[in-house]
Amino acid sequence: MFQVPEVGPQEAKEMLQKDNVVLLDVRTPQEHVQLRIPNSMLIPLDELRYAFKDLPKDKTYIVYCRSGERSAFATYFLRHMGYEAYNLAGGILVWPYEKESGPPK
């Protein structure tokens, strides 16, 4: 298994106070509507290989999924493509802060 830099929920929450940090959800659209971390951008993992070109390189990305496996792969891919990206260790399952559901506003 490959290693990618990870951040825990507390560190991620602190990083998100900065303007240049983007929370990236790589789960399916259905999962995103069911439950997500507020203000996260959705790019499903299977679309990331095409959609990454639209992501600004001057941002830092915290990538999450349900438990951290898909986001680890996405983080590896983004770093390989020259982005600063970190995997949210444990995914949304361990996120103790606010969450929302329903269609994104």
N, C-alpha and C. Protein backbone atom coordinates (compact mmCIF):
# COMPACT_ATOMS: atom_id res chain seq x y z
N MET A 1 0.85 -1.19 0.00
CA MET A 1 0.00 0.00 0.00
C MET A 1 0.89 1.25 0.00
N PHE A 2 0.51 2.22 -0.78
CA PHE A 2 1.28 3.47 -0.85
C PHE A 2 0.97 4.35 0.35
N GLN A 3 1.91 5.21 0.69
CA GLN A 3 1.72 6.13 1.81
C GLN A 3 1.43 7.52 1.27
N VAL A 4 0.43 8.17 1.86
CA VAL A 4 0.14 9.56 1.52
C VAL A 4 0.07 10.37 2.81
N PRO A 5 0.38 11.65 2.74
CA PRO A 5 0.27 12.48 3.94
C PRO A 5 -1.18 12.56 4.41
N GLU A 6 -1.38 12.39 5.70
CA GLU A 6 -2.72 12.42 6.27
C GLU A 6 -2.83 13.51 7.32
N VAL A 7 -4.06 14.00 7.50
CA VAL A 7 -4.36 14.89 8.60
C VAL A 7 -5.55 14.31 9.34
N GLY A 8 -5.58 14.51 10.64
CA GLY A 8 -6.74 14.09 11.43
C GLY A 8 -7.80 15.17 11.39
N PRO A 9 -8.99 14.89 11.93
CA PRO A 9 -10.08 15.86 11.91
C PRO A 9 -9.72 17.21 12.53
N GLN A 10 -9.02 17.19 13.68
CA GLN A 10 -8.67 18.44 14.35
C GLN A 10 -7.76 19.30 13.49
N GLU A 11 -6.73 18.68 12.93
CA GLU A 11 -5.79 19.42 12.07
C GLU A 11 -6.50 19.92 10.81
N ALA A 12 -7.37 19.09 10.23
CA ALA A 12 -8.12 19.49 9.04
C ALA A 12 -8.99 20.70 9.34
N LYS A 13 -9.68 20.67 10.48
CA LYS A 13 -10.55 21.77 10.88
C LYS A 13 -9.76 23.07 10.99
N GLU A 14 -8.56 23.00 11.55
CA GLU A 14 -7.70 24.18 11.67
C GLU A 14 -7.23 24.66 10.31
N MET A 15 -6.86 23.73 9.43
CA MET A 15 -6.41 24.10 8.09
C MET A 15 -7.52 24.79 7.31
N LEU A 16 -8.76 24.36 7.53
CA LEU A 16 -9.90 24.90 6.78
C LEU A 16 -10.23 26.35 7.16
N GLN A 17 -9.59 26.87 8.20
CA GLN A 17 -9.79 28.29 8.55
C GLN A 17 -9.09 29.19 7.54
N LYS A 18 -8.17 28.64 6.76
CA LYS A 18 -7.44 29.42 5.78
C LYS A 18 -8.21 29.47 4.46
N ASP A 19 -8.04 30.55 3.72
CA ASP A 19 -8.77 30.75 2.45
C ASP A 19 -8.34 29.81 1.34
N ASN A 20 -7.10 29.34 1.39
CA ASN A 20 -6.59 28.57 0.26
C ASN A 20 -6.76 27.06 0.42
N VAL A 21 -7.55 26.64 1.40
CA VAL A 21 -7.73 25.20 1.64
C VAL A 21 -9.11 24.77 1.17
N VAL A 22 -9.14 23.70 0.36
CA VAL A 22 -10.38 23.19 -0.22
C VAL A 22 -10.63 21.78 0.30
N LEU A 23 -11.86 21.53 0.71
CA LEU A 23 -12.27 20.20 1.16
C LEU A 23 -12.87 19.48 -0.03
N LEU A 24 -12.28 18.35 -0.41
CA LEU A 24 -12.68 17.63 -1.62
C LEU A 24 -13.25 16.26 -1.25
N ASP A 25 -14.53 16.05 -1.59
CA ASP A 25 -15.23 14.79 -1.36
C ASP A 25 -15.13 13.95 -2.62
N VAL A 26 -14.57 12.75 -2.52
CA VAL A 26 -14.41 11.89 -3.71
C VAL A 26 -15.38 10.71 -3.70
N ARG A 27 -16.45 10.82 -2.89
CA ARG A 27 -17.46 9.76 -2.87
C ARG A 27 -18.43 9.95 -4.04
N THR A 28 -19.47 9.13 -4.06
CA THR A 28 -20.47 9.23 -5.14
C THR A 28 -21.42 10.39 -4.86
N PRO A 29 -22.10 10.90 -5.89
CA PRO A 29 -23.09 11.96 -5.66
C PRO A 29 -24.16 11.55 -4.64
N GLN A 30 -24.57 10.28 -4.65
CA GLN A 30 -25.58 9.80 -3.69
C GLN A 30 -25.07 9.91 -2.26
N GLU A 31 -23.83 9.51 -2.04
CA GLU A 31 -23.24 9.61 -0.70
C GLU A 31 -23.13 11.07 -0.26
N HIS A 32 -22.78 11.93 -1.20
CA HIS A 32 -22.60 13.36 -0.91
C HIS A 32 -23.92 13.99 -0.47
N VAL A 33 -25.02 13.61 -1.12
CA VAL A 33 -26.33 14.16 -0.76
C VAL A 33 -26.78 13.61 0.60
N GLN A 34 -26.49 12.34 0.87
CA GLN A 34 -26.89 11.72 2.14
C GLN A 34 -26.24 12.41 3.33
N LEU A 35 -24.93 12.61 3.25
CA LEU A 35 -24.19 13.21 4.36
C LEU A 35 -22.86 13.72 3.85
N ARG A 36 -22.52 14.95 4.22
CA ARG A 36 -21.24 15.53 3.79
C ARG A 36 -20.77 16.55 4.81
N ILE A 37 -19.51 16.90 4.70
CA ILE A 37 -18.94 17.98 5.50
C ILE A 37 -19.29 19.28 4.78
N PRO A 38 -19.85 20.27 5.49
CA PRO A 38 -20.26 21.51 4.83
C PRO A 38 -19.13 22.16 4.02
N ASN A 39 -19.53 22.78 2.92
CA ASN A 39 -18.61 23.51 2.03
C ASN A 39 -17.60 22.62 1.32
N SER A 40 -17.90 21.33 1.20
CA SER A 40 -16.97 20.47 0.47
C SER A 40 -17.36 20.43 -1.00
N MET A 41 -16.34 20.29 -1.84
CA MET A 41 -16.52 20.19 -3.28
C MET A 41 -16.59 18.71 -3.64
N LEU A 42 -17.53 18.33 -4.48
CA LEU A 42 -17.67 16.92 -4.88
C LEU A 42 -17.04 16.68 -6.24
N ILE A 43 -16.07 15.77 -6.26
CA ILE A 43 -15.56 15.20 -7.51
C ILE A 43 -15.41 13.71 -7.26
N PRO A 44 -16.37 12.89 -7.71
CA PRO A 44 -16.27 11.45 -7.47
C PRO A 44 -14.93 10.90 -7.97
N LEU A 45 -14.40 9.93 -7.25
CA LEU A 45 -13.09 9.37 -7.56
C LEU A 45 -12.95 8.97 -9.02
N ASP A 46 -13.99 8.34 -9.59
CA ASP A 46 -13.87 7.89 -10.99
C ASP A 46 -13.91 9.03 -11.99
N GLU A 47 -14.23 10.25 -11.56
CA GLU A 47 -14.20 11.42 -12.46
C GLU A 47 -12.94 12.25 -12.25
N LEU A 48 -12.23 11.98 -11.18
CA LEU A 48 -11.09 12.82 -10.80
C LEU A 48 -10.00 12.84 -11.87
N ARG A 49 -9.79 11.75 -12.55
CA ARG A 49 -8.70 11.71 -13.54
C ARG A 49 -8.93 12.67 -14.70
N TYR A 50 -10.20 13.07 -14.92
CA TYR A 50 -10.51 14.07 -15.94
C TYR A 50 -10.68 15.46 -15.32
N ALA A 51 -11.33 15.52 -14.16
CA ALA A 51 -11.72 16.80 -13.56
C ALA A 51 -10.58 17.52 -12.85
N PHE A 52 -9.49 16.82 -12.53
CA PHE A 52 -8.43 17.45 -11.74
C PHE A 52 -7.85 18.67 -12.47
N LYS A 53 -7.90 18.67 -13.80
CA LYS A 53 -7.33 19.77 -14.59
C LYS A 53 -7.99 21.10 -14.27
N ASP A 54 -9.24 21.06 -13.77
CA ASP A 54 -9.97 22.30 -13.44
C ASP A 54 -9.67 22.81 -12.03
N LEU A 55 -8.91 22.05 -11.25
CA LEU A 55 -8.59 22.45 -9.88
C LEU A 55 -7.39 23.39 -9.88
N PRO A 56 -7.51 24.54 -9.20
CA PRO A 56 -6.36 25.45 -9.13
C PRO A 56 -5.19 24.83 -8.36
N LYS A 57 -4.00 25.02 -8.87
CA LYS A 57 -2.81 24.45 -8.23
C LYS A 57 -2.33 25.27 -7.03
N ASP A 58 -2.88 26.48 -6.86
CA ASP A 58 -2.43 27.31 -5.74
C ASP A 58 -3.23 27.07 -4.47
N LYS A 59 -4.05 26.02 -4.48
CA LYS A 59 -4.85 25.66 -3.30
C LYS A 59 -4.25 24.41 -2.65
N THR A 60 -4.61 24.21 -1.38
CA THR A 60 -4.27 22.98 -0.67
C THR A 60 -5.56 22.19 -0.54
N TYR A 61 -5.50 20.89 -0.81
CA TYR A 61 -6.69 20.05 -0.81
C TYR A 61 -6.67 19.06 0.35
N ILE A 62 -7.78 19.00 1.07
CA ILE A 62 -8.00 17.95 2.06
C ILE A 62 -9.05 17.04 1.43
N VAL A 63 -8.66 15.81 1.19
CA VAL A 63 -9.51 14.88 0.44
C VAL A 63 -10.16 13.90 1.41
N TYR A 64 -11.48 13.68 1.25
CA TYR A 64 -12.14 12.72 2.13
C TYR A 64 -13.12 11.84 1.37
N CYS A 65 -13.39 10.68 1.97
CA CYS A 65 -14.42 9.76 1.49
C CYS A 65 -15.11 9.22 2.74
N ARG A 66 -15.64 8.02 2.66
CA ARG A 66 -16.34 7.47 3.81
C ARG A 66 -15.36 7.10 4.93
N SER A 67 -14.33 6.30 4.59
CA SER A 67 -13.43 5.80 5.63
C SER A 67 -11.96 6.13 5.40
N GLY A 68 -11.62 6.72 4.27
CA GLY A 68 -10.24 7.11 4.02
C GLY A 68 -9.51 6.33 2.95
N GLU A 69 -10.13 5.27 2.40
CA GLU A 69 -9.43 4.47 1.38
C GLU A 69 -9.48 5.13 0.01
N ARG A 70 -10.66 5.50 -0.47
CA ARG A 70 -10.77 6.15 -1.78
C ARG A 70 -10.03 7.49 -1.77
N SER A 71 -10.14 8.20 -0.65
CA SER A 71 -9.47 9.51 -0.58
C SER A 71 -7.95 9.35 -0.54
N ALA A 72 -7.44 8.25 0.01
CA ALA A 72 -5.99 8.01 -0.01
C ALA A 72 -5.52 7.85 -1.45
N PHE A 73 -6.28 7.12 -2.25
CA PHE A 73 -5.93 6.95 -3.66
C PHE A 73 -6.00 8.29 -4.39
N ALA A 74 -7.06 9.07 -4.12
CA ALA A 74 -7.22 10.39 -4.75
C ALA A 74 -6.09 11.33 -4.35
N THR A 75 -5.70 11.28 -3.07
CA THR A 75 -4.61 12.12 -2.58
C THR A 75 -3.31 11.76 -3.28
N TYR A 76 -3.05 10.46 -3.41
CA TYR A 76 -1.86 9.98 -4.11
C TYR A 76 -1.85 10.51 -5.54
N PHE A 77 -2.98 10.39 -6.22
CA PHE A 77 -3.10 10.84 -7.61
C PHE A 77 -2.85 12.35 -7.72
N LEU A 78 -3.51 13.13 -6.86
CA LEU A 78 -3.36 14.59 -6.92
C LEU A 78 -1.92 15.02 -6.66
N ARG A 79 -1.27 14.38 -5.69
CA ARG A 79 0.12 14.72 -5.39
C ARG A 79 1.01 14.36 -6.58
N HIS A 80 0.72 13.24 -7.22
CA HIS A 80 1.47 12.81 -8.39
C HIS A 80 1.31 13.84 -9.52
N MET A 81 0.16 14.51 -9.58
CA MET A 81 -0.11 15.50 -10.62
C MET A 81 0.36 16.90 -10.22
N GLY A 82 1.01 17.02 -9.06
CA GLY A 82 1.62 18.28 -8.67
C GLY A 82 0.80 19.14 -7.71
N TYR A 83 -0.23 18.57 -7.10
CA TYR A 83 -1.06 19.32 -6.14
C TYR A 83 -0.60 19.05 -4.72
N GLU A 84 -0.88 20.02 -3.84
CA GLU A 84 -0.65 19.81 -2.41
C GLU A 84 -1.95 19.24 -1.86
N ALA A 85 -1.93 17.96 -1.51
CA ALA A 85 -3.15 17.28 -1.06
C ALA A 85 -2.85 16.41 0.15
N TYR A 86 -3.86 16.31 1.03
CA TYR A 86 -3.75 15.51 2.25
C TYR A 86 -5.00 14.67 2.39
N ASN A 87 -4.82 13.45 2.84
CA ASN A 87 -5.95 12.56 3.08
C ASN A 87 -6.52 12.82 4.48
N LEU A 88 -7.85 12.91 4.57
CA LEU A 88 -8.49 13.02 5.88
C LEU A 88 -8.55 11.62 6.47
N ALA A 89 -7.69 11.37 7.45
CA ALA A 89 -7.59 10.04 8.06
C ALA A 89 -8.94 9.61 8.64
N GLY A 90 -9.42 8.44 8.25
CA GLY A 90 -10.67 7.91 8.79
C GLY A 90 -11.92 8.39 8.08
N GLY A 91 -11.78 9.38 7.19
CA GLY A 91 -12.91 9.85 6.40
C GLY A 91 -14.01 10.50 7.23
N ILE A 92 -15.19 10.60 6.62
CA ILE A 92 -16.33 11.26 7.27
C ILE A 92 -16.80 10.45 8.48
N LEU A 93 -16.47 9.16 8.53
CA LEU A 93 -16.87 8.32 9.67
C LEU A 93 -16.33 8.85 11.00
N VAL A 94 -15.15 9.46 10.97
CA VAL A 94 -14.55 9.94 12.22
C VAL A 94 -14.63 11.46 12.37
N TRP A 95 -15.28 12.14 11.43
CA TRP A 95 -15.39 13.60 11.48
C TRP A 95 -16.35 13.99 12.60
N PRO A 96 -15.85 14.62 13.68
CA PRO A 96 -16.72 14.90 14.83
C PRO A 96 -17.44 16.24 14.75
N TYR A 97 -17.16 17.00 13.69
CA TYR A 97 -17.71 18.35 13.59
C TYR A 97 -19.00 18.35 12.76
N GLU A 98 -19.42 19.53 12.35
CA GLU A 98 -20.70 19.65 11.66
C GLU A 98 -20.74 18.84 10.35
N LYS A 99 -21.93 18.35 10.08
CA LYS A 99 -22.21 17.61 8.85
C LYS A 99 -23.56 18.10 8.35
N GLU A 100 -23.81 17.90 7.06
CA GLU A 100 -25.12 18.28 6.51
C GLU A 100 -25.57 17.24 5.52
N SER A 101 -26.87 17.27 5.22
CA SER A 101 -27.41 16.33 4.26
C SER A 101 -28.39 17.05 3.36
N GLY A 102 -28.87 16.36 2.34
CA GLY A 102 -29.78 16.96 1.39
C GLY A 102 -29.00 17.56 0.23
N PRO A 103 -29.72 18.07 -0.78
CA PRO A 103 -29.03 18.65 -1.94
C PRO A 103 -28.16 19.83 -1.51
N PRO A 104 -26.95 19.93 -2.07
CA PRO A 104 -26.07 21.06 -1.72
C PRO A 104 -26.75 22.38 -2.09
N LYS A 105 -26.50 23.39 -1.29
CA LYS A 105 -27.12 24.71 -1.51
C LYS A 105 -26.41 25.43 -2.63
